[in-house]
Amino acid sequence: MSLLKTVPPNAVQSIRAFRVVELQEEAARLGQHFLYAHCADAITKQQVLICIAESFYFPRHFGKNFDALADCLTDLTYKAGPQPGFLVVLEQLPNTPKFDKEARETLLDVFRDAADFWAEKKVSFRVFYSFQ
Protein backbone atom coordinates (compact mmCIF):
# COMPACT_ATOMS: atom_id res chain seq x y z
CA MET A 1 0.00 0.00 0.00
CA SER A 2 1.29 3.44 -0.92
CA LEU A 3 2.52 5.78 1.77
CA LEU A 4 0.91 8.55 -0.27
CA LYS A 5 -2.58 7.03 -0.60
CA THR A 6 -4.16 9.99 1.22
CA VAL A 7 -2.15 12.66 -0.62
CA PRO A 8 -3.49 13.96 -3.94
CA PRO A 9 -1.02 13.59 -6.82
CA ASN A 10 -0.58 17.36 -7.20
CA ALA A 11 -0.54 18.85 -3.72
CA VAL A 12 1.50 21.24 -1.60
CA GLN A 13 1.13 20.49 2.09
CA SER A 14 2.81 20.45 5.46
CA ILE A 15 5.01 17.42 6.02
CA ARG A 16 3.17 16.69 9.30
CA ALA A 17 3.47 13.00 10.21
CA PHE A 18 5.55 12.02 7.17
CA ARG A 19 9.25 11.35 7.61
CA VAL A 20 11.73 12.46 4.97
CA VAL A 21 13.36 9.03 4.71
CA GLU A 22 9.99 7.36 4.12
CA LEU A 23 9.08 9.92 1.45
CA GLN A 24 12.41 9.34 -0.28
CA GLU A 25 11.86 5.58 -0.23
CA GLU A 26 8.33 6.03 -1.60
CA ALA A 27 9.61 8.23 -4.44
CA ALA A 28 12.12 5.51 -5.33
CA ARG A 29 9.44 2.84 -5.16
CA LEU A 30 7.25 4.89 -7.52
CA GLY A 31 10.18 5.70 -9.82
CA GLN A 32 9.73 9.44 -9.23
CA HIS A 33 12.24 12.25 -8.84
CA PHE A 34 12.96 13.06 -5.18
CA LEU A 35 13.92 16.69 -4.65
CA TYR A 36 15.02 17.71 -1.17
CA ALA A 37 16.14 21.07 0.23
CA HIS A 38 17.07 21.57 3.88
CA CYS A 39 16.80 25.34 4.43
CA ALA A 40 17.62 25.62 8.14
CA ASP A 41 20.70 27.79 7.50
CA ALA A 42 18.83 30.23 5.25
CA ILE A 43 17.65 33.55 6.62
CA THR A 44 16.68 35.57 3.55
CA LYS A 45 14.65 34.95 0.39
CA GLN A 46 17.89 34.94 -1.60
CA GLN A 47 19.42 32.29 0.67
CA VAL A 48 16.30 30.11 0.48
CA LEU A 49 16.31 30.29 -3.32
CA ILE A 50 20.03 29.49 -3.46
CA CYS A 51 19.49 26.51 -1.14
CA ILE A 52 16.70 25.18 -3.36
CA ALA A 53 18.65 25.84 -6.56
CA GLU A 54 21.75 24.03 -5.29
CA SER A 55 19.77 21.16 -3.79
CA PHE A 56 17.73 20.63 -6.96
CA TYR A 57 20.75 21.10 -9.28
CA PHE A 58 19.28 24.05 -11.17
CA PRO A 59 21.43 25.56 -13.94
CA ARG A 60 24.14 27.99 -12.89
CA HIS A 61 22.31 30.83 -14.62
CA PHE A 62 19.35 30.44 -12.20
CA GLY A 63 18.08 33.98 -11.54
CA LYS A 64 17.53 33.61 -7.77
CA ASN A 65 13.98 34.99 -7.87
CA PHE A 66 10.51 33.47 -7.74
CA ASP A 67 9.98 33.73 -11.52
CA ALA A 68 13.20 31.84 -12.18
CA LEU A 69 12.15 29.20 -9.64
CA ALA A 70 8.84 28.77 -11.48
CA ASP A 71 10.68 28.38 -14.78
CA CYS A 72 13.03 25.75 -13.38
CA LEU A 73 10.17 23.78 -11.82
CA THR A 74 8.22 23.70 -15.07
CA ASP A 75 9.63 24.82 -18.40
CA LEU A 76 13.17 23.52 -18.15
CA THR A 77 12.10 20.17 -16.73
CA TYR A 78 9.20 19.76 -19.14
CA LYS A 79 11.55 20.30 -22.09
CA ALA A 80 13.77 17.47 -20.78
CA GLY A 81 11.26 14.86 -21.94
CA PRO A 82 8.66 12.67 -20.27
CA GLN A 83 8.70 12.87 -16.48
CA PRO A 84 7.80 10.05 -14.07
CA GLY A 85 6.61 12.36 -11.28
CA PHE A 86 8.09 14.43 -8.49
CA LEU A 87 8.18 14.23 -4.72
CA VAL A 88 9.56 17.46 -3.26
CA VAL A 89 10.52 18.18 0.36
CA LEU A 90 11.31 21.70 1.58
CA GLU A 91 12.46 21.26 5.14
CA GLN A 92 12.94 23.95 7.79
CA LEU A 93 11.90 26.98 5.74
CA PRO A 94 12.94 30.02 7.78
CA ASN A 95 10.68 32.18 9.89
CA THR A 96 12.71 35.37 10.04
CA PRO A 97 12.09 39.06 9.40
CA LYS A 98 13.92 38.69 6.06
CA PHE A 99 11.83 35.65 5.08
CA ASP A 100 8.47 36.44 6.61
CA LYS A 101 5.02 34.91 6.20
CA GLU A 102 4.45 36.75 2.91
CA ALA A 103 7.71 35.43 1.43
CA ARG A 104 6.91 31.88 2.60
CA GLU A 105 3.43 32.06 1.05
CA THR A 106 4.84 33.40 -2.22
CA LEU A 107 7.34 30.55 -2.30
CA LEU A 108 4.61 27.99 -1.65
CA ASP A 109 2.44 29.64 -4.32
CA VAL A 110 5.23 29.05 -6.84
CA PHE A 111 5.20 25.36 -5.89
CA ARG A 112 1.37 25.31 -6.06
CA ASP A 113 1.54 26.77 -9.57
CA ALA A 114 4.09 24.12 -10.52
CA ALA A 115 1.78 21.43 -9.13
CA ASP A 116 -1.03 22.81 -11.28
CA PHE A 117 1.26 22.86 -14.32
CA TRP A 118 2.20 19.22 -13.83
CA ALA A 119 -1.41 18.23 -13.11
CA GLU A 120 -2.32 19.45 -16.61
CA LYS A 121 0.39 17.13 -17.95
CA LYS A 122 -0.97 14.26 -15.79
CA VAL A 123 2.33 14.11 -13.86
CA SER A 124 2.39 13.76 -10.08
CA PHE A 125 4.02 16.70 -8.26
CA ARG A 126 3.73 16.43 -4.48
CA VAL A 127 5.40 19.00 -2.23
CA PHE A 128 5.88 18.64 1.51
CA TYR A 129 7.24 21.49 3.62
CA SER A 130 8.07 22.41 7.20
CA PHE A 131 8.96 25.66 8.93
CA GLN A 132 11.59 26.35 11.56
C-alpha atoms as a PDB file:
ATOM      1  CA  MET A   1       0.000   0.000   0.000  1.00  0.00           C
ATOM      2  CA  SER A   2       1.295   3.435  -0.921  1.00  0.00           C
ATOM      3  CA  LEU A   3       2.520   5.781   1.769  1.00  0.00           C
ATOM      4  CA  LEU A   4       0.906   8.555  -0.270  1.00  0.00           C
ATOM      5  CA  LYS A   5      -2.576   7.033  -0.600  1.00  0.00           C
ATOM      6  CA  THR A   6      -4.165   9.993   1.217  1.00  0.00           C
ATOM      7  CA  VAL A   7      -2.150  12.664  -0.621  1.00  0.00           C
ATOM      8  CA  PRO A   8      -3.488  13.961  -3.944  1.00  0.00           C
ATOM      9  CA  PRO A   9      -1.016  13.590  -6.816  1.00  0.00           C
ATOM     10  CA  ASN A  10      -0.579  17.363  -7.197  1.00  0.00           C
ATOM     11  CA  ALA A  11      -0.538  18.852  -3.718  1.00  0.00           C
ATOM     12  CA  VAL A  12       1.499  21.240  -1.603  1.00  0.00           C
ATOM     13  CA  GLN A  13       1.126  20.489   2.085  1.00  0.00           C
ATOM     14  CA  SER A  14       2.811  20.454   5.461  1.00  0.00           C
ATOM     15  CA  ILE A  15       5.010  17.417   6.020  1.00  0.00           C
ATOM     16  CA  ARG A  16       3.170  16.692   9.298  1.00  0.00           C
ATOM     17  CA  ALA A  17       3.474  12.999  10.210  1.00  0.00           C
ATOM     18  CA  PHE A  18       5.551  12.024   7.173  1.00  0.00           C
ATOM     19  CA  ARG A  19       9.249  11.351   7.610  1.00  0.00           C
ATOM     20  CA  VAL A  20      11.731  12.458   4.967  1.00  0.00           C
ATOM     21  CA  VAL A  21      13.363   9.026   4.707  1.00  0.00           C
ATOM     22  CA  GLU A  22       9.993   7.362   4.120  1.00  0.00           C
ATOM     23  CA  LEU A  23       9.083   9.923   1.451  1.00  0.00           C
ATOM     24  CA  GLN A  24      12.413   9.344  -0.278  1.00  0.00           C
ATOM     25  CA  GLU A  25      11.862   5.580  -0.228  1.00  0.00           C
ATOM     26  CA  GLU A  26       8.335   6.026  -1.604  1.00  0.00           C
ATOM     27  CA  ALA A  27       9.610   8.225  -4.443  1.00  0.00           C
ATOM     28  CA  ALA A  28      12.125   5.513  -5.326  1.00  0.00           C
ATOM     29  CA  ARG A  29       9.441   2.836  -5.164  1.00  0.00           C
ATOM     30  CA  LEU A  30       7.254   4.887  -7.516  1.00  0.00           C
ATOM     31  CA  GLY A  31      10.176   5.705  -9.815  1.00  0.00           C
ATOM     32  CA  GLN A  32       9.728   9.442  -9.230  1.00  0.00           C
ATOM     33  CA  HIS A  33      12.243  12.254  -8.838  1.00  0.00           C
ATOM     34  CA  PHE A  34      12.956  13.057  -5.180  1.00  0.00           C
ATOM     35  CA  LEU A  35      13.916  16.694  -4.655  1.00  0.00           C
ATOM     36  CA  TYR A  36      15.022  17.710  -1.165  1.00  0.00           C
ATOM     37  CA  ALA A  37      16.139  21.067   0.230  1.00  0.00           C
ATOM     38  CA  HIS A  38      17.070  21.575   3.877  1.00  0.00           C
ATOM     39  CA  CYS A  39      16.802  25.336   4.425  1.00  0.00           C
ATOM     40  CA  ALA A  40      17.618  25.623   8.141  1.00  0.00           C
ATOM     41  CA  ASP A  41      20.696  27.786   7.501  1.00  0.00           C
ATOM     42  CA  ALA A  42      18.830  30.228   5.246  1.00  0.00           C
ATOM     43  CA  ILE A  43      17.647  33.554   6.624  1.00  0.00           C
ATOM     44  CA  THR A  44      16.676  35.572   3.550  1.00  0.00           C
ATOM     45  CA  LYS A  45      14.654  34.950   0.387  1.00  0.00           C
ATOM     46  CA  GLN A  46      17.886  34.937  -1.602  1.00  0.00           C
ATOM     47  CA  GLN A  47      19.424  32.290   0.670  1.00  0.00           C
ATOM     48  CA  VAL A  48      16.299  30.110   0.476  1.00  0.00           C
ATOM     49  CA  LEU A  49      16.310  30.286  -3.318  1.00  0.00           C
ATOM     50  CA  ILE A  50      20.028  29.488  -3.461  1.00  0.00           C
ATOM     51  CA  CYS A  51      19.491  26.509  -1.140  1.00  0.00           C
ATOM     52  CA  ILE A  52      16.700  25.181  -3.360  1.00  0.00           C
ATOM     53  CA  ALA A  53      18.654  25.841  -6.561  1.00  0.00           C
ATOM     54  CA  GLU A  54      21.749  24.033  -5.290  1.00  0.00           C
ATOM     55  CA  SER A  55      19.773  21.162  -3.790  1.00  0.00           C
ATOM     56  CA  PHE A  56      17.729  20.634  -6.963  1.00  0.00           C
ATOM     57  CA  TYR A  57      20.746  21.097  -9.277  1.00  0.00           C
ATOM     58  CA  PHE A  58      19.277  24.045 -11.168  1.00  0.00           C
ATOM     59  CA  PRO A  59      21.432  25.565 -13.937  1.00  0.00           C
ATOM     60  CA  ARG A  60      24.143  27.993 -12.892  1.00  0.00           C
ATOM     61  CA  HIS A  61      22.314  30.826 -14.623  1.00  0.00           C
ATOM     62  CA  PHE A  62      19.353  30.440 -12.205  1.00  0.00           C
ATOM     63  CA  GLY A  63      18.075  33.983 -11.543  1.00  0.00           C
ATOM     64  CA  LYS A  64      17.532  33.605  -7.774  1.00  0.00           C
ATOM     65  CA  ASN A  65      13.979  34.993  -7.870  1.00  0.00           C
ATOM     66  CA  PHE A  66      10.514  33.468  -7.743  1.00  0.00           C
ATOM     67  CA  ASP A  67       9.980  33.732 -11.519  1.00  0.00           C
ATOM     68  CA  ALA A  68      13.203  31.839 -12.184  1.00  0.00           C
ATOM     69  CA  LEU A  69      12.148  29.205  -9.645  1.00  0.00           C
ATOM     70  CA  ALA A  70       8.840  28.766 -11.475  1.00  0.00           C
ATOM     71  CA  ASP A  71      10.683  28.377 -14.776  1.00  0.00           C
ATOM     72  CA  CYS A  72      13.033  25.751 -13.379  1.00  0.00           C
ATOM     73  CA  LEU A  73      10.174  23.776 -11.824  1.00  0.00           C
ATOM     74  CA  THR A  74       8.223  23.701 -15.068  1.00  0.00           C
ATOM     75  CA  ASP A  75       9.629  24.820 -18.405  1.00  0.00           C
ATOM     76  CA  LEU A  76      13.168  23.522 -18.147  1.00  0.00           C
ATOM     77  CA  THR A  77      12.096  20.170 -16.727  1.00  0.00           C
ATOM     78  CA  TYR A  78       9.200  19.763 -19.142  1.00  0.00           C
ATOM     79  CA  LYS A  79      11.554  20.296 -22.095  1.00  0.00           C
ATOM     80  CA  ALA A  80      13.772  17.475 -20.775  1.00  0.00           C
ATOM     81  CA  GLY A  81      11.264  14.861 -21.942  1.00  0.00           C
ATOM     82  CA  PRO A  82       8.665  12.672 -20.267  1.00  0.00           C
ATOM     83  CA  GLN A  83       8.701  12.874 -16.485  1.00  0.00           C
ATOM     84  CA  PRO A  84       7.801  10.048 -14.071  1.00  0.00           C
ATOM     85  CA  GLY A  85       6.606  12.365 -11.280  1.00  0.00           C
ATOM     86  CA  PHE A  86       8.093  14.432  -8.488  1.00  0.00           C
ATOM     87  CA  LEU A  87       8.178  14.234  -4.722  1.00  0.00           C
ATOM     88  CA  VAL A  88       9.557  17.460  -3.256  1.00  0.00           C
ATOM     89  CA  VAL A  89      10.524  18.179   0.361  1.00  0.00           C
ATOM     90  CA  LEU A  90      11.308  21.702   1.584  1.00  0.00           C
ATOM     91  CA  GLU A  91      12.463  21.259   5.140  1.00  0.00           C
ATOM     92  CA  GLN A  92      12.944  23.951   7.791  1.00  0.00           C
ATOM     93  CA  LEU A  93      11.903  26.980   5.742  1.00  0.00           C
ATOM     94  CA  PRO A  94      12.938  30.019   7.779  1.00  0.00           C
ATOM     95  CA  ASN A  95      10.681  32.178   9.894  1.00  0.00           C
ATOM     96  CA  THR A  96      12.714  35.367  10.038  1.00  0.00           C
ATOM     97  CA  PRO A  97      12.089  39.062   9.399  1.00  0.00           C
ATOM     98  CA  LYS A  98      13.915  38.695   6.059  1.00  0.00           C
ATOM     99  CA  PHE A  99      11.825  35.653   5.085  1.00  0.00           C
ATOM    100  CA  ASP A 100       8.470  36.436   6.614  1.00  0.00           C
ATOM    101  CA  LYS A 101       5.020  34.912   6.204  1.00  0.00           C
ATOM    102  CA  GLU A 102       4.453  36.751   2.912  1.00  0.00           C
ATOM    103  CA  ALA A 103       7.707  35.425   1.428  1.00  0.00           C
ATOM    104  CA  ARG A 104       6.911  31.882   2.597  1.00  0.00           C
ATOM    105  CA  GLU A 105       3.428  32.064   1.054  1.00  0.00           C
ATOM    106  CA  THR A 106       4.836  33.400  -2.216  1.00  0.00           C
ATOM    107  CA  LEU A 107       7.339  30.551  -2.298  1.00  0.00           C
ATOM    108  CA  LEU A 108       4.611  27.986  -1.650  1.00  0.00           C
ATOM    109  CA  ASP A 109       2.437  29.641  -4.318  1.00  0.00           C
ATOM    110  CA  VAL A 110       5.226  29.045  -6.843  1.00  0.00           C
ATOM    111  CA  PHE A 111       5.201  25.363  -5.893  1.00  0.00           C
ATOM    112  CA  ARG A 112       1.372  25.305  -6.065  1.00  0.00           C
ATOM    113  CA  ASP A 113       1.535  26.771  -9.570  1.00  0.00           C
ATOM    114  CA  ALA A 114       4.092  24.119 -10.524  1.00  0.00           C
ATOM    115  CA  ALA A 115       1.785  21.431  -9.127  1.00  0.00           C
ATOM    116  CA  ASP A 116      -1.035  22.810 -11.279  1.00  0.00           C
ATOM    117  CA  PHE A 117       1.262  22.862 -14.324  1.00  0.00           C
ATOM    118  CA  TRP A 118       2.202  19.220 -13.835  1.00  0.00           C
ATOM    119  CA  ALA A 119      -1.412  18.233 -13.110  1.00  0.00           C
ATOM    120  CA  GLU A 120      -2.319  19.453 -16.605  1.00  0.00           C
ATOM    121  CA  LYS A 121       0.391  17.125 -17.949  1.00  0.00           C
ATOM    122  CA  LYS A 122      -0.966  14.258 -15.794  1.00  0.00           C
ATOM    123  CA  VAL A 123       2.327  14.111 -13.863  1.00  0.00           C
ATOM    124  CA  SER A 124       2.394  13.755 -10.082  1.00  0.00           C
ATOM    125  CA  PHE A 125       4.025  16.696  -8.262  1.00  0.00           C
ATOM    126  CA  ARG A 126       3.726  16.431  -4.478  1.00  0.00           C
ATOM    127  CA  VAL A 127       5.399  19.000  -2.227  1.00  0.00           C
ATOM    128  CA  PHE A 128       5.875  18.644   1.508  1.00  0.00           C
ATOM    129  CA  TYR A 129       7.237  21.486   3.622  1.00  0.00           C
ATOM    130  CA  SER A 130       8.071  22.406   7.195  1.00  0.00           C
ATOM    131  CA  PHE A 131       8.958  25.664   8.934  1.00  0.00           C
ATOM    132  CA  GLN A 132      11.591  26.353  11.557  1.00  0.00           C
END
